[in-house]
Amino acid sequence: MAKRVKRRTIRAWSKEDIRNLRSFAKARMSAPQIAKKLRRTAGAVGQKAFTLGVRFQSVARRTR
């Protein structure tokens, strides 16, 4: 008998999730770290951050 495939469930973003996302980004955490804490994928966190206008500044970028 074939193994059952686990279906993905789409979870809505609660106000608390959004508040946590903003605070984690302000604390300079990276997207994968935030994703682990929110129990979501890094892609989902990145898309929501982009929609909200939140930027992750954890990566040191070179200035010219």
C-alpha atoms as a PDB file:
ATOM      1  CA  MET A   1       0.000   0.000   0.000  1.00  0.00           C
ATOM      2  CA  ALA A   2       1.288   3.450  -0.928  1.00  0.00           C
ATOM      3  CA  LYS A   3       2.291   5.954   1.681  1.00  0.00           C
ATOM      4  CA  ARG A   4      -0.197   8.754   2.272  1.00  0.00           C
ATOM      5  CA  VAL A   5       1.001  12.156   1.182  1.00  0.00           C
ATOM      6  CA  LYS A   6       0.717  14.890   3.782  1.00  0.00           C
ATOM      7  CA  ARG A   7      -1.235  17.802   2.362  1.00  0.00           C
ATOM      8  CA  ARG A   8      -0.132  21.376   2.821  1.00  0.00           C
ATOM      9  CA  THR A   9      -2.382  23.542   4.894  1.00  0.00           C
ATOM     10  CA  ILE A  10      -2.633  27.235   4.247  1.00  0.00           C
ATOM     11  CA  ARG A  11      -2.556  29.184   7.476  1.00  0.00           C
ATOM     12  CA  ALA A  12      -3.792  32.744   7.550  1.00  0.00           C
ATOM     13  CA  TRP A  13      -1.492  35.382   9.003  1.00  0.00           C
ATOM     14  CA  SER A  14      -2.789  36.490  12.390  1.00  0.00           C
ATOM     15  CA  LYS A  15      -2.153  39.930  13.837  1.00  0.00           C
ATOM     16  CA  GLU A  16       0.220  38.328  16.314  1.00  0.00           C
ATOM     17  CA  ASP A  17       2.189  36.659  13.486  1.00  0.00           C
ATOM     18  CA  ILE A  18       2.565  40.005  11.724  1.00  0.00           C
ATOM     19  CA  ARG A  19       3.621  41.732  14.947  1.00  0.00           C
ATOM     20  CA  ASN A  20       6.227  39.016  15.551  1.00  0.00           C
ATOM     21  CA  LEU A  21       7.464  39.266  11.962  1.00  0.00           C
ATOM     22  CA  ARG A  22       8.008  43.003  12.319  1.00  0.00           C
ATOM     23  CA  SER A  23       9.774  42.647  15.669  1.00  0.00           C
ATOM     24  CA  PHE A  24      12.038  39.848  14.408  1.00  0.00           C
ATOM     25  CA  ALA A  25      12.979  41.913  11.348  1.00  0.00           C
ATOM     26  CA  LYS A  26      13.715  44.900  13.585  1.00  0.00           C
ATOM     27  CA  ALA A  27      15.953  42.626  15.677  1.00  0.00           C
ATOM     28  CA  ARG A  28      17.931  41.955  12.456  1.00  0.00           C
ATOM     29  CA  MET A  29      17.080  38.264  12.172  1.00  0.00           C
ATOM     30  CA  SER A  30      17.301  36.594   8.768  1.00  0.00           C
ATOM     31  CA  ALA A  31      14.286  35.241   6.891  1.00  0.00           C
ATOM     32  CA  PRO A  32      15.118  31.550   7.524  1.00  0.00           C
ATOM     33  CA  GLN A  33      15.502  32.219  11.263  1.00  0.00           C
ATOM     34  CA  ILE A  34      12.164  34.055  11.370  1.00  0.00           C
ATOM     35  CA  ALA A  35      10.536  31.277   9.350  1.00  0.00           C
ATOM     36  CA  LYS A  36      11.638  28.689  11.888  1.00  0.00           C
ATOM     37  CA  LYS A  37      10.214  30.719  14.774  1.00  0.00           C
ATOM     38  CA  LEU A  38       6.902  31.352  12.988  1.00  0.00           C
ATOM     39  CA  ARG A  39       6.731  27.742  11.736  1.00  0.00           C
ATOM     40  CA  ARG A  40       6.404  28.834   8.109  1.00  0.00           C
ATOM     41  CA  THR A  41       8.573  28.566   5.018  1.00  0.00           C
ATOM     42  CA  ALA A  42      11.234  31.159   4.280  1.00  0.00           C
ATOM     43  CA  GLY A  43       9.413  31.958   1.040  1.00  0.00           C
ATOM     44  CA  ALA A  44       6.151  32.657   2.845  1.00  0.00           C
ATOM     45  CA  VAL A  45       7.927  34.917   5.319  1.00  0.00           C
ATOM     46  CA  GLY A  46       9.711  36.745   2.517  1.00  0.00           C
ATOM     47  CA  GLN A  47       6.511  37.292   0.546  1.00  0.00           C
ATOM     48  CA  LYS A  48       4.620  38.578   3.570  1.00  0.00           C
ATOM     49  CA  ALA A  49       7.484  40.890   4.496  1.00  0.00           C
ATOM     50  CA  PHE A  50       7.533  42.266   0.953  1.00  0.00           C
ATOM     51  CA  THR A  51       3.761  42.823   1.053  1.00  0.00           C
ATOM     52  CA  LEU A  52       4.052  44.659   4.375  1.00  0.00           C
ATOM     53  CA  GLY A  53       7.100  46.640   3.265  1.00  0.00           C
ATOM     54  CA  VAL A  54       9.327  45.080   5.918  1.00  0.00           C
ATOM     55  CA  ARG A  55      13.002  44.663   5.039  1.00  0.00           C
ATOM     56  CA  PHE A  56      15.475  42.208   6.491  1.00  0.00           C
ATOM     57  CA  GLN A  57      18.760  43.970   7.187  1.00  0.00           C
ATOM     58  CA  SER A  58      20.633  41.010   8.610  1.00  0.00           C
ATOM     59  CA  VAL A  59      22.951  40.700   5.610  1.00  0.00           C
ATOM     60  CA  ALA A  60      25.903  43.087   5.649  1.00  0.00           C
ATOM     61  CA  ARG A  61      25.873  44.765   2.250  1.00  0.00           C
ATOM     62  CA  ARG A  62      28.909  46.440   0.741  1.00  0.00           C
ATOM     63  CA  THR A  63      28.620  50.133   0.042  1.00  0.00           C
ATOM     64  CA  ARG A  64      30.502  51.663  -2.823  1.00  0.00           C
END
